Amino acid sequence: MAEQAFDVVVIGGGPGGYVCAIKAAQLGLKTACVEKRGALGGTCLNVGCIPSKALLQSSHLYAMAAHDLAQHGVKAGKVELDFKTMMGRKDKVVADFTKGIEFLFRKNKVTYLKGLGRLVGDGKIEVVANGKGETVSAKHIIIATGSDVMPLRGVEIDEKQIVSSTGALELEKVPEHLIVIGGGVIGLELGSVWRRLGAKVTVVEFLDRIVATMDAEIGTAYQKVLTKQGLEFKLGTKVTAAKKANGKVTLTMEPANGGASEELTGDVVLVSIGRRPYVDGLALEMVGVKLDNKGRVMVDDHFQTSVPGIYAIGDVIHGPMLAHKAEEEGVAVAEMLAGQSGHVNYETCPNIVYTWPELASVGKTEEELKSAGVQYKVGKFPFLANSRAKANADMEGMVKLLADANTDRLLGAHVLGPEAGTLIHEISMAMEFGGSAEDVARAFHGHPTLNEAIKEAALVIASKPIHV
């Protein structure tokens, strides 16, 4: 059989990879995408973003029915959890999406190569599936293999009692006590799911704060909200070992700064201390692709690696490990290969935690501006004073905007509150066009909407707020 030849071969069918492949094909390049999972969408769609959001939504509705509807005059009677149906719905959402991506591949004439991709040099990739391999060639190769769970020494994941995010999405029942190691996005989202469904949840975090990359003031407010919801926190605490016995898991812990050890026992332990670039099996060293000291593929401003013709995007390179970041990089590199001017503005990349209330940010934090010596102004507005939030009985949180003290240009936004993940995009768009706080303050905002909280926070900077 003649060797298949392509203009572009993308290794990895996650958000960055499949989007890159589709865009390259749309721009007239003969394109293939290699994916070993047997289902497109990568970690995000199969065992990450999408199934977790499905469970977050279902568990949120369950919690509302059980605890919150009565204040609206809605008597629901005894609320029961149909665990099997909830998990089944989550699985169907995932299956429908993966089939949808396959349809998009067919529609855009992207060749789907199922198997493990390995670089063999001279623009060739070996694709192995079921013990059989075929070799394809490409003018351009794009590595988009994503990331994997960061392991924790002394805590061995078995995906039953000690689980990663993958196992936490597949639990067979609601645990009595879930211990979450790591106070980042994944741990807090999944911790919230199982807390709403009835589990006791304890979050153990090495640092002295949760969501450490977020604005500190907003992060502190966020922890208070989650504490009110029943999550418990042990901050500044290091986990050193885990022991399984009699259906339980006992963690040995000690203060991060040193001190006496203690133990904490639960039914299930979720290890969520971050993710690492996944480059296993690619044989990068064989072809000379260089990695940095964090195991990430090194690339230049055009996403090219140390080897001409080989590129990398998404979680395997520097920057936040976010699906939408990978997608934008995928589009940019496809445009570059097609002779266009692809570009990614990382300053406007939002970061979102999909608990309720949601937490979202874009741009700089107050701590980052202080550290850089930038003079800035702060505008804050509480959802307690927002008419739509009050009407919805959903008033936790606030909007915090940061603008340059001299030019008024927006430098960052941090939103804790209802629909924060949607609201943040107003500021992301404003920042994309170099907008100022006054621009946002003078723009129409329908009444009554949650977006008015954004306007009022901008008014704090530009002049004076109206409703507080």
Protein backbone atom coordinates (compact mmCIF):
# COMPACT_ATOMS: atom_id res chain seq x y z
CA MET A 1 0.00 0.00 0.00
CA ALA A 2 1.34 3.42 -0.96
CA GLU A 3 2.30 5.70 1.91
CA GLN A 4 -0.28 8.40 2.56
CA ALA A 5 1.10 11.93 2.22
CA PHE A 6 -0.43 15.06 3.75
CA ASP A 7 0.26 18.75 4.00
CA VAL A 8 -0.50 18.65 7.73
CA VAL A 9 -0.68 15.83 10.27
CA VAL A 10 -1.88 16.74 13.75
CA ILE A 11 -0.98 14.30 16.52
CA GLY A 12 -3.72 14.50 19.14
CA GLY A 13 -7.47 14.89 18.73
CA GLY A 14 -8.22 17.11 21.72
CA PRO A 15 -9.55 20.69 21.55
CA GLY A 16 -6.31 22.08 20.15
CA GLY A 17 -5.70 19.20 17.77
CA TYR A 18 -9.12 18.70 16.24
CA VAL A 19 -9.72 22.45 15.86
CA CYS A 20 -6.31 22.85 14.23
CA ALA A 21 -7.03 19.97 11.84
CA ILE A 22 -10.43 21.37 10.83
CA LYS A 23 -9.07 24.88 10.29
CA ALA A 24 -6.11 23.59 8.25
CA ALA A 25 -8.49 21.61 6.03
CA GLN A 26 -10.77 24.62 5.63
CA LEU A 27 -7.75 26.62 4.45
CA GLY A 28 -7.08 24.11 1.68
CA LEU A 29 -4.39 21.95 3.27
CA LYS A 30 -4.64 18.17 2.98
CA THR A 31 -4.93 17.24 6.64
CA ALA A 32 -4.98 14.20 8.92
CA CYS A 33 -5.42 13.89 12.66
CA VAL A 34 -3.96 11.03 14.71
CA GLU A 35 -5.73 10.06 17.94
CA LYS A 36 -5.01 6.98 20.06
CA ARG A 37 -8.03 7.18 22.40
CA GLY A 38 -10.51 5.86 19.86
CA ALA A 39 -12.72 8.86 20.59
CA LEU A 40 -12.02 12.43 19.54
CA GLY A 41 -12.13 15.38 21.93
CA GLY A 42 -9.16 14.55 24.13
CA THR A 43 -9.15 14.76 27.90
CA CYS A 44 -11.41 17.82 27.82
CA LEU A 45 -14.33 16.16 26.10
CA ASN A 46 -13.94 12.59 27.30
CA VAL A 47 -12.79 12.81 30.93
CA GLY A 48 -12.49 16.51 31.73
CA CYS A 49 -14.29 19.73 30.85
CA ILE A 50 -17.47 18.34 29.33
CA PRO A 51 -18.39 15.46 31.68
CA SER A 52 -17.50 17.59 34.71
CA LYS A 53 -19.73 20.42 33.48
CA ALA A 54 -22.56 17.95 32.88
CA LEU A 55 -22.28 16.76 36.50
CA LEU A 56 -21.90 20.31 37.78
CA GLN A 57 -25.14 21.28 36.07
CA SER A 58 -27.05 18.18 37.21
CA SER A 59 -25.80 18.44 40.79
CA HIS A 60 -26.58 22.17 40.85
CA LEU A 61 -30.17 21.49 39.86
CA TYR A 62 -30.41 18.73 42.47
CA ALA A 63 -29.12 21.07 45.17
CA MET A 64 -31.53 23.80 44.07
CA ALA A 65 -34.48 21.45 44.20
CA ALA A 66 -33.45 20.16 47.62
CA HIS A 67 -32.56 23.47 49.28
CA ASP A 68 -33.33 26.61 47.27
CA LEU A 69 -36.66 26.36 45.47
CA ALA A 70 -38.78 26.83 48.59
CA GLN A 71 -37.76 30.50 48.87
CA HIS A 72 -39.25 31.01 45.41
CA GLY A 73 -42.57 29.51 46.51
CA VAL A 74 -41.90 26.23 44.75
CA LYS A 75 -42.60 23.19 46.92
CA ALA A 76 -40.85 20.19 45.40
CA GLY A 77 -41.65 17.62 48.08
CA LYS A 78 -39.07 14.98 48.84
CA VAL A 79 -36.16 15.27 46.42
CA GLU A 80 -34.45 12.02 45.51
CA LEU A 81 -31.20 11.43 43.69
CA ASP A 82 -31.36 9.14 40.67
CA PHE A 83 -27.63 8.57 40.53
CA LYS A 84 -27.70 6.15 37.61
CA THR A 85 -29.66 8.54 35.41
CA MET A 86 -27.41 11.47 36.31
CA MET A 87 -24.27 9.56 35.40
CA GLY A 88 -25.91 8.17 32.28
CA ARG A 89 -26.80 11.65 31.10
CA LYS A 90 -23.18 12.70 31.56
CA ASP A 91 -22.00 9.77 29.44
CA LYS A 92 -24.51 10.55 26.69
CA VAL A 93 -23.38 14.18 26.52
CA VAL A 94 -19.80 12.97 25.99
CA ALA A 95 -20.77 10.37 23.38
CA ASP A 96 -22.84 12.85 21.39
CA PHE A 97 -19.96 15.33 21.30
CA THR A 98 -17.35 12.82 20.16
CA LYS A 99 -19.63 11.68 17.34
CA GLY A 100 -20.14 15.32 16.46
CA ILE A 101 -16.42 15.88 15.98
CA GLU A 102 -16.17 12.83 13.72
CA PHE A 103 -18.97 14.37 11.65
CA LEU A 104 -17.04 17.64 11.42
CA PHE A 105 -13.96 15.72 10.25
CA ARG A 106 -15.97 14.11 7.46
CA LYS A 107 -17.61 17.42 6.56
CA ASN A 108 -14.25 19.18 6.28
CA LYS A 109 -12.43 16.24 4.68
CA VAL A 110 -10.01 15.64 7.56
CA THR A 111 -8.56 12.11 7.53
CA TYR A 112 -9.00 10.49 10.96
CA LEU A 113 -6.16 8.08 11.79
CA LYS A 114 -6.90 5.99 14.87
CA GLY A 115 -3.81 4.88 16.75
CA LEU A 116 -0.71 5.99 18.61
CA GLY A 117 1.38 8.48 16.66
CA ARG A 118 5.17 8.34 16.84
CA LEU A 119 7.69 10.56 15.09
CA VAL A 120 10.21 8.63 12.98
CA GLY A 121 12.03 11.52 11.29
CA ASP A 122 12.09 13.02 7.79
CA GLY A 123 8.52 14.27 8.11
CA LYS A 124 7.11 10.82 8.79
CA ILE A 125 4.77 9.54 11.50
CA GLU A 126 4.16 5.94 12.41
CA VAL A 127 0.57 5.25 13.49
CA VAL A 128 0.14 2.05 15.52
CA ALA A 129 -3.23 0.51 16.29
CA ASN A 130 -4.01 -3.03 17.46
CA GLY A 131 -0.40 -4.05 17.03
CA LYS A 132 -0.27 -2.95 13.41
CA GLY A 133 1.42 0.16 12.11
CA GLU A 134 1.35 2.34 9.05
CA THR A 135 3.58 5.25 8.14
CA VAL A 136 2.30 8.55 6.80
CA SER A 137 4.25 11.62 5.75
CA ALA A 138 3.55 15.31 6.18
CA LYS A 139 5.08 18.64 5.18
CA HIS A 140 4.08 19.93 8.60
CA ILE A 141 3.59 17.97 11.84
CA ILE A 142 1.74 19.49 14.79
CA ILE A 143 2.05 18.01 18.28
CA ALA A 144 -1.17 18.51 20.22
CA THR A 145 -1.09 15.63 22.69
CA GLY A 146 -2.32 17.60 25.70
CA SER A 147 -1.59 16.83 29.32
CA ASP A 148 -1.94 14.13 31.94
CA VAL A 149 -2.56 14.00 35.68
CA MET A 150 0.33 15.18 37.82
CA PRO A 151 1.30 12.31 40.17
CA LEU A 152 1.86 12.82 43.89
CA ARG A 153 4.65 10.92 45.57
CA GLY A 154 3.36 8.52 48.22
CA VAL A 155 -0.21 8.57 46.88
CA GLU A 156 -0.76 5.90 44.23
CA ILE A 157 -3.83 6.39 42.03
CA ASP A 158 -5.94 3.26 41.46
CA GLU A 159 -9.04 5.08 40.07
CA LYS A 160 -11.22 3.32 42.66
CA GLN A 161 -10.42 4.68 46.10
CA ILE A 162 -7.59 7.02 45.16
CA VAL A 163 -8.71 8.69 41.97
CA SER A 164 -7.68 11.29 39.45
CA SER A 165 -10.25 13.54 37.81
CA THR A 166 -10.99 10.62 35.50
CA GLY A 167 -11.97 8.30 38.35
CA ALA A 168 -13.83 11.08 40.16
CA LEU A 169 -16.18 11.30 37.18
CA GLU A 170 -16.89 7.57 37.30
CA LEU A 171 -17.58 6.86 40.99
CA GLU A 172 -20.16 4.12 41.48
CA LYS A 173 -21.83 5.90 44.40
CA VAL A 174 -21.68 9.11 46.39
CA PRO A 175 -18.83 8.77 48.90
CA GLU A 176 -19.46 9.53 52.55
CA HIS A 177 -16.23 11.52 52.78
CA LEU A 178 -14.28 12.74 49.76
CA ILE A 179 -10.82 14.17 50.41
CA VAL A 180 -9.54 16.43 47.64
CA ILE A 181 -5.78 16.97 47.43
CA GLY A 182 -5.35 20.30 45.68
CA GLY A 183 -7.32 23.53 45.89
CA GLY A 184 -7.28 24.35 42.19
CA VAL A 185 -9.97 24.39 39.52
CA ILE A 186 -10.39 20.63 39.05
CA GLY A 187 -10.49 19.78 42.73
CA LEU A 188 -12.97 22.51 43.60
CA GLU A 189 -15.30 21.71 40.71
CA LEU A 190 -15.43 17.99 41.42
CA GLY A 191 -15.49 18.60 45.16
CA SER A 192 -18.55 20.80 44.63
CA VAL A 193 -20.29 18.09 42.59
CA TRP A 194 -19.96 15.46 45.30
CA ARG A 195 -20.69 17.89 48.14
CA ARG A 196 -23.99 18.82 46.50
CA LEU A 197 -24.86 15.16 46.20
CA GLY A 198 -24.30 14.56 49.91
CA ALA A 199 -20.62 13.80 50.49
CA LYS A 200 -18.54 15.42 53.18
CA VAL A 201 -15.71 17.14 51.30
CA THR A 202 -12.34 18.16 52.73
CA VAL A 203 -9.90 20.06 50.52
CA VAL A 204 -6.21 19.74 51.45
CA GLU A 205 -4.01 22.39 49.85
CA PHE A 206 -0.24 22.80 50.10
CA LEU A 207 -0.37 26.59 49.73
CA ASP A 208 -2.01 28.97 52.17
CA ARG A 209 -4.82 29.80 49.71
CA ILE A 210 -7.00 28.14 47.10
CA VAL A 211 -7.05 29.05 43.37
CA ALA A 212 -3.56 30.47 43.79
CA THR A 213 -3.34 31.93 40.27
CA MET A 214 -6.45 34.06 40.80
CA ASP A 215 -6.68 37.51 42.39
CA ALA A 216 -6.09 37.06 46.14
CA GLU A 217 -9.03 39.18 47.31
CA ILE A 218 -11.45 37.34 45.05
CA GLY A 219 -9.92 33.98 46.05
CA THR A 220 -10.48 34.73 49.73
CA ALA A 221 -14.11 35.66 49.07
CA TYR A 222 -14.51 32.50 47.00
CA GLN A 223 -13.26 30.28 49.82
CA LYS A 224 -15.78 31.86 52.21
CA VAL A 225 -18.60 31.07 49.77
CA LEU A 226 -17.49 27.45 49.37
CA THR A 227 -17.17 27.11 53.15
CA LYS A 228 -20.78 28.27 53.52
CA GLN A 229 -21.71 25.51 51.06
CA GLY A 230 -20.13 22.92 53.35
CA LEU A 231 -16.66 22.36 51.90
CA GLU A 232 -13.92 22.17 54.53
CA PHE A 233 -10.37 23.38 53.95
CA LYS A 234 -6.97 22.44 55.35
CA LEU A 235 -4.54 24.96 53.90
CA GLY A 236 -0.76 25.04 54.19
CA THR A 237 -0.81 21.26 54.46
CA LYS A 238 1.39 18.68 52.74
CA VAL A 239 0.24 15.11 52.04
CA THR A 240 3.11 12.65 52.48
CA ALA A 241 1.47 9.21 52.26
CA ALA A 242 -1.77 7.33 51.69
CA LYS A 243 -2.78 3.95 53.11
CA LYS A 244 -5.81 1.89 52.11
CA ALA A 245 -7.51 -0.41 54.61
CA ASN A 246 -11.05 -1.69 55.22
CA GLY A 247 -12.55 0.33 52.40
CA LYS A 248 -11.04 3.59 53.66
CA VAL A 249 -8.05 5.72 52.73
CA THR A 250 -5.94 7.37 55.42
CA LEU A 251 -3.70 10.26 54.47
CA THR A 252 -0.65 11.25 56.44
CA MET A 253 -0.19 15.01 56.41
CA GLU A 254 2.09 17.63 57.90
CA PRO A 255 2.24 21.44 57.84
CA ALA A 256 3.81 22.71 54.62
CA ASN A 257 6.32 24.72 56.66
CA GLY A 258 7.19 21.76 58.85
CA GLY A 259 5.71 20.38 62.03
CA ALA A 260 3.95 17.39 63.57
CA SER A 261 2.13 14.99 61.25
CA GLU A 262 -1.55 14.11 61.45
CA GLU A 263 -3.94 11.73 59.71
CA LEU A 264 -7.18 12.21 57.79
CA THR A 265 -9.41 9.32 56.72
CA GLY A 266 -12.00 9.25 53.96
CA ASP A 267 -13.75 6.90 51.55
CA VAL A 268 -12.31 8.37 48.36
CA VAL A 269 -9.28 10.58 47.75
CA LEU A 270 -9.09 12.79 44.66
CA VAL A 271 -5.57 13.74 43.58
CA SER A 272 -5.80 17.05 41.72
CA ILE A 273 -2.51 18.87 42.15
CA GLY A 274 -2.21 19.89 38.51
CA ARG A 275 -1.35 18.41 35.14
CA ARG A 276 1.84 17.74 33.21
CA PRO A 277 2.55 17.86 29.46
CA TYR A 278 1.87 14.49 27.83
CA VAL A 279 4.58 13.57 25.33
CA ASP A 280 4.89 9.86 26.12
CA GLY A 281 5.48 7.60 23.12
CA LEU A 282 6.10 10.43 20.65
CA ALA A 283 9.85 9.67 20.41
CA LEU A 284 10.65 13.38 20.49
CA GLU A 285 14.23 12.73 21.53
CA MET A 286 14.74 10.53 18.46
CA VAL A 287 14.08 13.43 16.09
CA GLY A 288 15.64 16.18 18.21
CA VAL A 289 12.58 18.03 19.56
CA LYS A 290 13.76 19.85 22.69
CA LEU A 291 11.88 20.10 26.00
CA ASP A 292 12.27 22.70 28.74
CA ASN A 293 12.94 21.97 32.42
CA LYS A 294 9.21 21.43 33.04
CA GLY A 295 8.89 18.81 30.32
CA ARG A 296 7.14 21.16 27.92
CA VAL A 297 7.89 21.26 24.20
CA MET A 298 9.90 24.37 23.42
CA VAL A 299 8.49 26.52 20.60
CA ASP A 300 9.17 29.89 19.02
CA ASP A 301 6.66 32.68 18.34
CA HIS A 302 5.31 30.69 15.39
CA PHE A 303 4.82 27.50 17.45
CA GLN A 304 7.73 25.79 15.67
CA THR A 305 9.84 23.42 17.74
CA SER A 306 13.62 23.01 17.55
CA VAL A 307 13.03 20.84 14.47
CA PRO A 308 11.88 22.64 11.28
CA GLY A 309 8.47 21.44 10.12
CA ILE A 310 7.41 20.22 13.58
CA TYR A 311 5.13 22.45 15.64
CA ALA A 312 3.40 22.17 19.02
CA ILE A 313 0.32 23.73 20.64
CA GLY A 314 -1.84 23.45 23.74
CA ASP A 315 -0.95 21.85 27.04
CA VAL A 316 2.39 20.50 25.79
CA ILE A 317 3.83 24.01 25.50
CA HIS A 318 4.10 26.99 27.87
CA GLY A 319 1.04 28.85 29.11
CA PRO A 320 -2.20 27.96 30.88
CA MET A 321 -3.54 24.47 30.32
CA LEU A 322 -6.92 25.54 29.00
CA ALA A 323 -8.96 24.08 26.14
CA HIS A 324 -9.74 27.48 24.62
CA LYS A 325 -6.07 28.47 24.73
CA ALA A 326 -5.22 25.29 22.78
CA GLU A 327 -8.00 25.99 20.27
CA GLU A 328 -6.76 29.51 19.54
CA GLU A 329 -3.22 28.22 19.09
CA GLY A 330 -4.51 25.52 16.76
CA VAL A 331 -6.26 28.08 14.59
CA ALA A 332 -3.22 30.37 14.60
CA VAL A 333 -0.73 27.71 13.52
CA ALA A 334 -3.08 26.47 10.78
CA GLU A 335 -3.38 30.02 9.46
CA MET A 336 0.39 30.45 9.52
CA LEU A 337 0.91 27.24 7.56
CA ALA A 338 -1.61 28.46 5.01
CA GLY A 339 0.34 31.68 4.53
CA GLN A 340 -1.85 33.86 6.73
CA SER A 341 -0.95 35.83 9.88
CA GLY A 342 -2.15 33.78 12.83
CA HIS A 343 -1.93 35.39 16.24
CA VAL A 344 -2.89 34.63 19.84
CA ASN A 345 -3.37 37.40 22.41
CA TYR A 346 -2.74 35.62 25.70
CA GLU A 347 -3.60 38.75 27.71
CA THR A 348 -7.29 38.24 26.93
CA CYS A 349 -7.46 34.51 27.69
CA PRO A 350 -10.13 33.96 30.39
CA ASN A 351 -9.85 31.45 33.22
CA ILE A 352 -13.08 30.06 34.68
CA VAL A 353 -14.08 27.84 37.62
CA TYR A 354 -17.55 26.41 36.97
CA THR A 355 -18.77 25.98 40.52
CA TRP A 356 -21.76 28.03 41.69
CA PRO A 357 -21.21 30.85 42.04
CA GLU A 358 -18.73 30.78 39.19
CA LEU A 359 -15.30 32.36 39.39
CA ALA A 360 -13.75 33.94 36.31
CA SER A 361 -10.78 36.14 35.51
CA VAL A 362 -8.95 37.69 32.58
CA GLY A 363 -5.76 39.71 32.44
CA LYS A 364 -3.68 40.76 35.41
CA THR A 365 -4.36 40.26 39.11
CA GLU A 366 -3.85 43.06 41.60
CA GLU A 367 -0.79 41.21 42.96
CA GLU A 368 0.78 41.04 39.51
CA LEU A 369 0.28 44.76 38.92
CA LYS A 370 1.82 45.62 42.29
CA SER A 371 4.78 43.37 41.61
CA ALA A 372 5.35 45.00 38.21
CA GLY A 373 5.11 48.50 39.68
CA VAL A 374 2.13 49.43 37.50
CA GLN A 375 -0.08 52.24 38.77
CA TYR A 376 -3.69 51.14 38.60
CA LYS A 377 -7.23 51.89 39.72
CA VAL A 378 -9.71 49.39 41.14
CA GLY A 379 -13.47 49.27 40.56
CA LYS A 380 -15.59 46.87 42.62
CA PHE A 381 -19.31 46.24 42.69
CA PRO A 382 -21.21 43.61 44.71
CA PHE A 383 -23.91 41.41 43.20
CA LEU A 384 -25.88 42.18 46.37
CA ALA A 385 -26.62 45.56 44.77
CA ASN A 386 -27.46 44.18 41.32
CA SER A 387 -31.18 44.10 40.57
CA ARG A 388 -31.16 40.91 38.48
CA ALA A 389 -29.06 39.02 41.04
CA LYS A 390 -31.45 40.13 43.79
CA ALA A 391 -34.49 39.13 41.75
CA ASN A 392 -32.88 35.73 41.15
CA ALA A 393 -31.92 35.32 44.84
CA ASP A 394 -28.35 34.79 43.62
CA MET A 395 -26.34 37.59 45.21
CA GLU A 396 -23.02 36.03 46.29
CA GLY A 397 -19.86 37.65 44.99
CA MET A 398 -18.69 40.75 43.20
CA VAL A 399 -17.05 42.23 40.12
CA LYS A 400 -13.53 43.63 40.37
CA LEU A 401 -11.99 45.58 37.49
CA LEU A 402 -8.40 46.84 37.21
CA ALA A 403 -7.43 49.71 34.91
CA ASP A 404 -4.26 51.67 34.22
CA ALA A 405 -4.23 54.74 36.46
CA ASN A 406 -2.89 56.97 33.67
CA THR A 407 -4.54 55.69 30.48
CA ASP A 408 -7.69 54.02 31.92
CA ARG A 409 -6.98 50.96 29.73
CA LEU A 410 -8.45 47.80 31.25
CA LEU A 411 -5.74 45.51 32.59
CA GLY A 412 -7.74 42.77 34.29
CA ALA A 413 -11.13 41.62 35.53
CA HIS A 414 -12.16 39.20 38.25
CA VAL A 415 -15.74 38.08 38.74
CA LEU A 416 -17.14 35.94 41.52
CA GLY A 417 -20.84 35.44 41.07
CA PRO A 418 -23.69 34.03 38.99
CA GLU A 419 -22.78 33.43 35.33
CA ALA A 420 -19.27 34.80 35.91
CA GLY A 421 -17.94 32.60 33.12
CA THR A 422 -20.25 34.33 30.68
CA LEU A 423 -19.86 37.85 32.08
CA ILE A 424 -16.05 37.78 31.87
CA HIS A 425 -16.17 37.76 28.07
CA GLU A 426 -17.46 41.32 27.99
CA ILE A 427 -14.16 42.42 29.51
CA SER A 428 -12.13 39.97 27.44
CA MET A 429 -13.59 41.56 24.30
CA ALA A 430 -13.06 45.09 25.62
CA MET A 431 -9.42 44.29 26.38
CA GLU A 432 -8.96 42.75 22.93
CA PHE A 433 -9.74 46.15 21.45
CA GLY A 434 -7.69 48.08 24.02
CA GLY A 435 -10.84 49.33 25.73
CA SER A 436 -10.94 51.50 28.82
CA ALA A 437 -13.04 51.45 31.97
CA GLU A 438 -14.88 54.49 30.63
CA ASP A 439 -15.68 52.62 27.40
CA VAL A 440 -17.41 49.90 29.40
CA ALA A 441 -19.08 52.39 31.73
CA ARG A 442 -20.58 54.37 28.82
CA ALA A 443 -21.76 51.33 26.85
CA PHE A 444 -25.42 50.29 27.05
CA HIS A 445 -26.15 47.47 29.50
CA GLY A 446 -29.71 46.17 29.47
CA HIS A 447 -31.74 46.44 32.65
CA PRO A 448 -32.15 44.31 34.64
CA THR A 449 -29.15 42.12 33.80
CA LEU A 450 -26.18 40.70 35.64
CA ASN A 451 -23.96 42.60 33.20
CA GLU A 452 -24.93 45.83 34.92
CA ALA A 453 -22.57 44.80 37.71
CA ILE A 454 -19.74 45.04 35.15
CA LYS A 455 -20.90 48.52 34.15
CA GLU A 456 -21.11 49.68 37.77
CA ALA A 457 -17.60 48.39 38.55
CA ALA A 458 -16.36 50.34 35.52
CA LEU A 459 -18.20 53.42 36.77
CA VAL A 460 -16.29 53.18 40.06
CA ILE A 461 -13.10 53.74 38.04
CA ALA A 462 -14.42 56.15 35.41
CA SER A 463 -16.56 58.41 37.62
CA LYS A 464 -18.87 57.23 40.36
CA PRO A 465 -21.22 54.20 40.59
CA ILE A 466 -24.97 54.82 40.55
CA HIS A 467 -26.36 51.93 42.59
CA VAL A 468 -24.04 51.65 45.58
